[in-house]
Amino acid sequence: MSTVDDPREPLEFLQGTLEVLILRSLQAGPNHAYGISQFLEQQSGHEFVVDNGSLYPALQRLLQRGWLAAEWNVSPNSRRARYYTLTPGGREQLIRESSKWQRFVEAMTRVLNPEG
């Protein structure tokens, strides 16, 4: 049994991770679900591959919390698509969650690499 991570194995999201990543993906402007998943995959160097079974429920949770707004529009390939936009509350939540994740990453780094 190997003790080294297999880079071909997809990374799994920790609880709450996908929501903050969705909020971050919408920071620059509105996007549809496929665009959000493409943004996350590209920005993560193809480490974060989001399936629809995870993405759509997360989008729904963010809508229910009031952190996103949505409206139907036409995508660049002339298809009807639901576009999601950050609300002011979503922008505030992104700031809060980003700060928490930075603290988490720094703490994990201290634990995993104490000499670093």
N, C-alpha and C. Protein backbone atom coordinates (compact mmCIF):
# COMPACT_ATOMS: atom_id res chain seq x y z
N MET A 1 0.85 -1.19 0.00
CA MET A 1 0.00 0.00 0.00
C MET A 1 0.88 1.24 0.00
N SER A 2 0.61 2.14 -0.92
CA SER A 2 1.40 3.35 -1.06
C SER A 2 1.04 4.37 0.02
N THR A 3 2.03 5.10 0.49
CA THR A 3 1.78 6.14 1.49
C THR A 3 1.78 7.52 0.86
N VAL A 4 1.95 7.57 -0.45
CA VAL A 4 1.98 8.84 -1.18
C VAL A 4 0.64 9.03 -1.90
N ASP A 5 0.14 10.26 -1.88
CA ASP A 5 -1.10 10.60 -2.56
C ASP A 5 -0.99 10.34 -4.05
N ASP A 6 -2.03 9.78 -4.65
CA ASP A 6 -2.07 9.54 -6.09
C ASP A 6 -2.66 10.78 -6.74
N PRO A 7 -1.86 11.55 -7.50
CA PRO A 7 -2.37 12.80 -8.10
C PRO A 7 -3.44 12.57 -9.15
N ARG A 8 -3.64 11.33 -9.60
CA ARG A 8 -4.70 11.05 -10.57
C ARG A 8 -6.05 10.90 -9.88
N GLU A 9 -6.02 10.74 -8.58
CA GLU A 9 -7.25 10.58 -7.81
C GLU A 9 -7.83 11.97 -7.53
N PRO A 10 -9.12 12.18 -7.85
CA PRO A 10 -9.69 13.51 -7.63
C PRO A 10 -9.76 13.87 -6.15
N LEU A 11 -9.58 15.15 -5.88
CA LEU A 11 -9.70 15.63 -4.50
C LEU A 11 -11.18 15.72 -4.13
N GLU A 12 -11.48 15.37 -2.90
CA GLU A 12 -12.85 15.49 -2.41
C GLU A 12 -12.96 16.80 -1.62
N PHE A 13 -14.11 17.42 -1.71
CA PHE A 13 -14.33 18.67 -1.00
C PHE A 13 -14.62 18.42 0.47
N LEU A 14 -14.02 19.23 1.33
CA LEU A 14 -14.39 19.23 2.73
C LEU A 14 -15.72 19.96 2.86
N GLN A 15 -16.46 19.66 3.93
CA GLN A 15 -17.75 20.31 4.11
C GLN A 15 -17.59 21.82 4.13
N GLY A 16 -18.42 22.50 3.37
CA GLY A 16 -18.39 23.96 3.31
C GLY A 16 -17.45 24.52 2.26
N THR A 17 -16.59 23.68 1.70
CA THR A 17 -15.62 24.15 0.72
C THR A 17 -16.27 24.59 -0.58
N LEU A 18 -17.17 23.77 -1.08
CA LEU A 18 -17.78 24.06 -2.38
C LEU A 18 -18.52 25.39 -2.35
N GLU A 19 -19.22 25.68 -1.26
CA GLU A 19 -19.97 26.93 -1.19
C GLU A 19 -19.06 28.15 -1.31
N VAL A 20 -17.94 28.14 -0.59
CA VAL A 20 -17.04 29.30 -0.66
C VAL A 20 -16.38 29.39 -2.03
N LEU A 21 -16.13 28.25 -2.66
CA LEU A 21 -15.55 28.27 -4.01
C LEU A 21 -16.55 28.82 -5.03
N ILE A 22 -17.81 28.49 -4.86
CA ILE A 22 -18.84 29.03 -5.75
C ILE A 22 -18.92 30.55 -5.57
N LEU A 23 -18.95 30.99 -4.32
CA LEU A 23 -18.99 32.43 -4.07
C LEU A 23 -17.80 33.12 -4.73
N ARG A 24 -16.61 32.53 -4.58
CA ARG A 24 -15.41 33.11 -5.18
C ARG A 24 -15.51 33.15 -6.71
N SER A 25 -16.07 32.10 -7.28
CA SER A 25 -16.17 32.04 -8.74
C SER A 25 -17.06 33.15 -9.29
N LEU A 26 -17.98 33.63 -8.48
CA LEU A 26 -18.92 34.67 -8.92
C LEU A 26 -18.48 36.07 -8.54
N GLN A 27 -17.31 36.18 -7.93
CA GLN A 27 -16.82 37.49 -7.51
C GLN A 27 -16.64 38.44 -8.69
N ALA A 28 -16.20 37.92 -9.81
CA ALA A 28 -15.95 38.77 -10.98
C ALA A 28 -17.22 39.12 -11.74
N GLY A 29 -18.29 38.35 -11.55
CA GLY A 29 -19.53 38.63 -12.25
C GLY A 29 -20.40 37.40 -12.38
N PRO A 30 -21.60 37.58 -12.92
CA PRO A 30 -22.55 36.48 -13.04
C PRO A 30 -22.03 35.33 -13.91
N ASN A 31 -22.50 34.13 -13.61
CA ASN A 31 -22.13 32.98 -14.41
C ASN A 31 -23.19 31.91 -14.24
N HIS A 32 -23.22 30.97 -15.19
CA HIS A 32 -24.14 29.84 -15.11
C HIS A 32 -23.40 28.66 -14.49
N ALA A 33 -24.13 27.59 -14.16
CA ALA A 33 -23.55 26.46 -13.44
C ALA A 33 -22.37 25.85 -14.17
N TYR A 34 -22.50 25.64 -15.47
CA TYR A 34 -21.39 25.05 -16.22
C TYR A 34 -20.16 25.97 -16.18
N GLY A 35 -20.38 27.27 -16.31
CA GLY A 35 -19.28 28.23 -16.24
C GLY A 35 -18.61 28.22 -14.88
N ILE A 36 -19.40 28.06 -13.82
CA ILE A 36 -18.85 27.98 -12.47
C ILE A 36 -17.96 26.75 -12.35
N SER A 37 -18.46 25.60 -12.81
CA SER A 37 -17.67 24.37 -12.70
C SER A 37 -16.39 24.46 -13.53
N GLN A 38 -16.46 25.08 -14.71
CA GLN A 38 -15.27 25.25 -15.54
C GLN A 38 -14.26 26.18 -14.87
N PHE A 39 -14.73 27.26 -14.27
CA PHE A 39 -13.86 28.19 -13.56
C PHE A 39 -13.11 27.46 -12.45
N LEU A 40 -13.84 26.69 -11.65
CA LEU A 40 -13.22 25.99 -10.52
C LEU A 40 -12.20 24.96 -11.00
N GLU A 41 -12.54 24.25 -12.06
CA GLU A 41 -11.60 23.25 -12.58
C GLU A 41 -10.34 23.92 -13.12
N GLN A 42 -10.51 24.99 -13.88
CA GLN A 42 -9.35 25.67 -14.46
C GLN A 42 -8.49 26.34 -13.39
N GLN A 43 -9.13 27.05 -12.47
CA GLN A 43 -8.38 27.77 -11.44
C GLN A 43 -7.64 26.84 -10.48
N SER A 44 -8.15 25.62 -10.31
CA SER A 44 -7.52 24.66 -9.39
C SER A 44 -6.48 23.79 -10.10
N GLY A 45 -6.19 24.07 -11.35
CA GLY A 45 -5.26 23.23 -12.09
C GLY A 45 -5.83 21.85 -12.32
N HIS A 46 -7.14 21.79 -12.53
CA HIS A 46 -7.89 20.55 -12.80
C HIS A 46 -7.95 19.62 -11.60
N GLU A 47 -7.73 20.14 -10.39
CA GLU A 47 -7.86 19.34 -9.17
C GLU A 47 -9.30 19.27 -8.69
N PHE A 48 -10.06 20.35 -8.89
CA PHE A 48 -11.46 20.39 -8.45
C PHE A 48 -12.38 20.16 -9.63
N VAL A 49 -12.90 18.97 -9.72
CA VAL A 49 -13.88 18.64 -10.75
C VAL A 49 -15.21 18.50 -10.03
N VAL A 50 -16.13 19.40 -10.34
CA VAL A 50 -17.42 19.46 -9.63
C VAL A 50 -18.49 18.79 -10.46
N ASP A 51 -19.12 17.77 -9.89
CA ASP A 51 -20.21 17.12 -10.62
C ASP A 51 -21.53 17.83 -10.32
N ASN A 52 -22.47 17.67 -11.23
CA ASN A 52 -23.77 18.34 -11.09
C ASN A 52 -24.50 17.94 -9.82
N GLY A 53 -24.29 16.70 -9.37
CA GLY A 53 -24.95 16.23 -8.16
C GLY A 53 -24.50 16.96 -6.91
N SER A 54 -23.35 17.60 -6.97
CA SER A 54 -22.87 18.44 -5.86
C SER A 54 -23.11 19.91 -6.12
N LEU A 55 -22.94 20.32 -7.37
CA LEU A 55 -23.03 21.74 -7.70
C LEU A 55 -24.43 22.31 -7.53
N TYR A 56 -25.42 21.65 -8.10
CA TYR A 56 -26.78 22.22 -8.05
C TYR A 56 -27.35 22.31 -6.64
N PRO A 57 -27.17 21.29 -5.78
CA PRO A 57 -27.64 21.46 -4.39
C PRO A 57 -26.92 22.59 -3.66
N ALA A 58 -25.61 22.76 -3.93
CA ALA A 58 -24.87 23.85 -3.29
C ALA A 58 -25.39 25.21 -3.77
N LEU A 59 -25.65 25.34 -5.06
CA LEU A 59 -26.23 26.58 -5.58
C LEU A 59 -27.58 26.86 -4.94
N GLN A 60 -28.39 25.82 -4.77
CA GLN A 60 -29.70 25.99 -4.15
C GLN A 60 -29.57 26.46 -2.69
N ARG A 61 -28.62 25.87 -1.96
CA ARG A 61 -28.39 26.30 -0.56
C ARG A 61 -27.99 27.77 -0.50
N LEU A 62 -27.10 28.18 -1.42
CA LEU A 62 -26.65 29.57 -1.43
C LEU A 62 -27.78 30.53 -1.80
N LEU A 63 -28.66 30.10 -2.70
CA LEU A 63 -29.84 30.90 -3.03
C LEU A 63 -30.75 31.04 -1.81
N GLN A 64 -30.98 29.94 -1.11
CA GLN A 64 -31.86 29.96 0.06
C GLN A 64 -31.31 30.83 1.17
N ARG A 65 -30.00 30.89 1.30
CA ARG A 65 -29.38 31.72 2.33
C ARG A 65 -29.34 33.20 1.94
N GLY A 66 -29.69 33.49 0.69
CA GLY A 66 -29.68 34.87 0.22
C GLY A 66 -28.32 35.36 -0.22
N TRP A 67 -27.37 34.45 -0.40
CA TRP A 67 -26.02 34.85 -0.79
C TRP A 67 -25.86 34.92 -2.30
N LEU A 68 -26.83 34.35 -3.03
CA LEU A 68 -26.86 34.43 -4.48
C LEU A 68 -28.24 34.86 -4.93
N ALA A 69 -28.28 35.46 -6.10
CA ALA A 69 -29.52 35.72 -6.82
C ALA A 69 -29.38 35.00 -8.16
N ALA A 70 -30.50 34.69 -8.79
CA ALA A 70 -30.44 33.98 -10.06
C ALA A 70 -31.50 34.51 -11.01
N GLU A 71 -31.16 34.48 -12.29
CA GLU A 71 -32.13 34.84 -13.32
C GLU A 71 -31.80 34.08 -14.60
N TRP A 72 -32.84 33.83 -15.37
CA TRP A 72 -32.66 33.12 -16.64
C TRP A 72 -32.19 34.09 -17.70
N ASN A 73 -31.26 33.61 -18.52
CA ASN A 73 -30.71 34.42 -19.60
C ASN A 73 -30.26 33.48 -20.71
N VAL A 74 -29.67 34.01 -21.75
CA VAL A 74 -29.18 33.20 -22.86
C VAL A 74 -27.66 33.12 -22.77
N SER A 75 -27.12 31.91 -22.84
CA SER A 75 -25.68 31.70 -22.75
C SER A 75 -25.01 32.07 -24.08
N PRO A 76 -23.69 32.16 -24.10
CA PRO A 76 -22.98 32.47 -25.36
C PRO A 76 -23.26 31.48 -26.49
N ASN A 77 -23.63 30.25 -26.15
CA ASN A 77 -23.95 29.28 -27.21
C ASN A 77 -25.45 29.24 -27.51
N SER A 78 -26.14 30.33 -27.19
CA SER A 78 -27.56 30.55 -27.50
C SER A 78 -28.51 29.58 -26.80
N ARG A 79 -28.12 29.11 -25.63
CA ARG A 79 -29.01 28.24 -24.85
C ARG A 79 -29.51 29.00 -23.63
N ARG A 80 -30.67 28.64 -23.19
CA ARG A 80 -31.24 29.24 -21.99
C ARG A 80 -30.49 28.69 -20.79
N ALA A 81 -30.03 29.58 -19.91
CA ALA A 81 -29.25 29.17 -18.74
C ALA A 81 -29.59 30.06 -17.56
N ARG A 82 -29.50 29.50 -16.39
CA ARG A 82 -29.73 30.26 -15.17
C ARG A 82 -28.39 30.85 -14.72
N TYR A 83 -28.36 32.17 -14.65
CA TYR A 83 -27.15 32.88 -14.26
C TYR A 83 -27.24 33.26 -12.79
N TYR A 84 -26.16 33.01 -12.07
CA TYR A 84 -26.08 33.29 -10.63
C TYR A 84 -25.21 34.51 -10.41
N THR A 85 -25.60 35.33 -9.43
CA THR A 85 -24.90 36.57 -9.09
C THR A 85 -24.74 36.64 -7.58
N LEU A 86 -23.61 37.15 -7.13
CA LEU A 86 -23.42 37.38 -5.70
C LEU A 86 -24.32 38.52 -5.23
N THR A 87 -24.93 38.36 -4.09
CA THR A 87 -25.67 39.45 -3.45
C THR A 87 -24.70 40.17 -2.50
N PRO A 88 -25.08 41.32 -1.98
CA PRO A 88 -24.21 41.97 -0.98
C PRO A 88 -23.92 41.04 0.21
N GLY A 89 -24.91 40.29 0.64
CA GLY A 89 -24.69 39.32 1.72
C GLY A 89 -23.72 38.23 1.30
N GLY A 90 -23.77 37.82 0.05
CA GLY A 90 -22.84 36.82 -0.47
C GLY A 90 -21.42 37.34 -0.50
N ARG A 91 -21.27 38.62 -0.83
CA ARG A 91 -19.92 39.22 -0.83
C ARG A 91 -19.35 39.25 0.60
N GLU A 92 -20.19 39.60 1.56
CA GLU A 92 -19.76 39.61 2.96
C GLU A 92 -19.40 38.20 3.42
N GLN A 93 -20.21 37.22 3.03
CA GLN A 93 -19.94 35.83 3.42
C GLN A 93 -18.64 35.35 2.79
N LEU A 94 -18.37 35.73 1.56
CA LEU A 94 -17.12 35.34 0.90
C LEU A 94 -15.92 35.87 1.68
N ILE A 95 -15.99 37.10 2.14
CA ILE A 95 -14.90 37.68 2.93
C ILE A 95 -14.71 36.90 4.22
N ARG A 96 -15.82 36.62 4.93
CA ARG A 96 -15.74 35.86 6.19
C ARG A 96 -15.15 34.47 5.97
N GLU A 97 -15.68 33.76 4.97
CA GLU A 97 -15.24 32.39 4.72
C GLU A 97 -13.81 32.33 4.20
N SER A 98 -13.42 33.28 3.38
CA SER A 98 -12.04 33.31 2.89
C SER A 98 -11.06 33.47 4.05
N SER A 99 -11.41 34.33 5.00
CA SER A 99 -10.57 34.54 6.17
C SER A 99 -10.46 33.26 6.99
N LYS A 100 -11.58 32.58 7.18
CA LYS A 100 -11.57 31.32 7.94
C LYS A 100 -10.71 30.28 7.24
N TRP A 101 -10.85 30.17 5.91
CA TRP A 101 -10.07 29.17 5.17
C TRP A 101 -8.59 29.49 5.21
N GLN A 102 -8.23 30.76 5.15
CA GLN A 102 -6.81 31.12 5.24
C GLN A 102 -6.25 30.69 6.59
N ARG A 103 -7.00 30.93 7.67
CA ARG A 103 -6.57 30.51 9.00
C ARG A 103 -6.43 29.00 9.06
N PHE A 104 -7.38 28.28 8.44
CA PHE A 104 -7.37 26.82 8.44
C PHE A 104 -6.12 26.31 7.71
N VAL A 105 -5.85 26.86 6.54
CA VAL A 105 -4.69 26.44 5.75
C VAL A 105 -3.40 26.71 6.52
N GLU A 106 -3.29 27.87 7.13
CA GLU A 106 -2.09 28.21 7.88
C GLU A 106 -1.90 27.27 9.06
N ALA A 107 -2.98 26.94 9.77
CA ALA A 107 -2.89 26.02 10.91
C ALA A 107 -2.50 24.62 10.44
N MET A 108 -3.11 24.14 9.35
CA MET A 108 -2.76 22.83 8.81
C MET A 108 -1.29 22.80 8.40
N THR A 109 -0.81 23.86 7.80
CA THR A 109 0.59 23.93 7.38
C THR A 109 1.51 23.86 8.59
N ARG A 110 1.16 24.56 9.67
CA ARG A 110 1.98 24.51 10.89
C ARG A 110 2.02 23.11 11.46
N VAL A 111 0.90 22.40 11.42
CA VAL A 111 0.85 21.05 11.98
C VAL A 111 1.60 20.05 11.09
N LEU A 112 1.34 20.12 9.78
CA LEU A 112 1.94 19.14 8.86
C LEU A 112 3.40 19.40 8.55
N ASN A 113 3.83 20.64 8.67
CA ASN A 113 5.21 21.00 8.34
C ASN A 113 5.77 21.91 9.43
N PRO A 114 5.99 21.37 10.64
CA PRO A 114 6.39 22.22 11.75
C PRO A 114 7.74 22.91 11.58
N GLU A 115 8.63 22.37 10.75
CA GLU A 115 9.94 22.99 10.55
C GLU A 115 9.89 24.07 9.48
N GLY A 116 8.81 24.07 8.65
CA GLY A 116 8.70 24.93 7.48
C GLY A 116 8.77 26.35 7.77
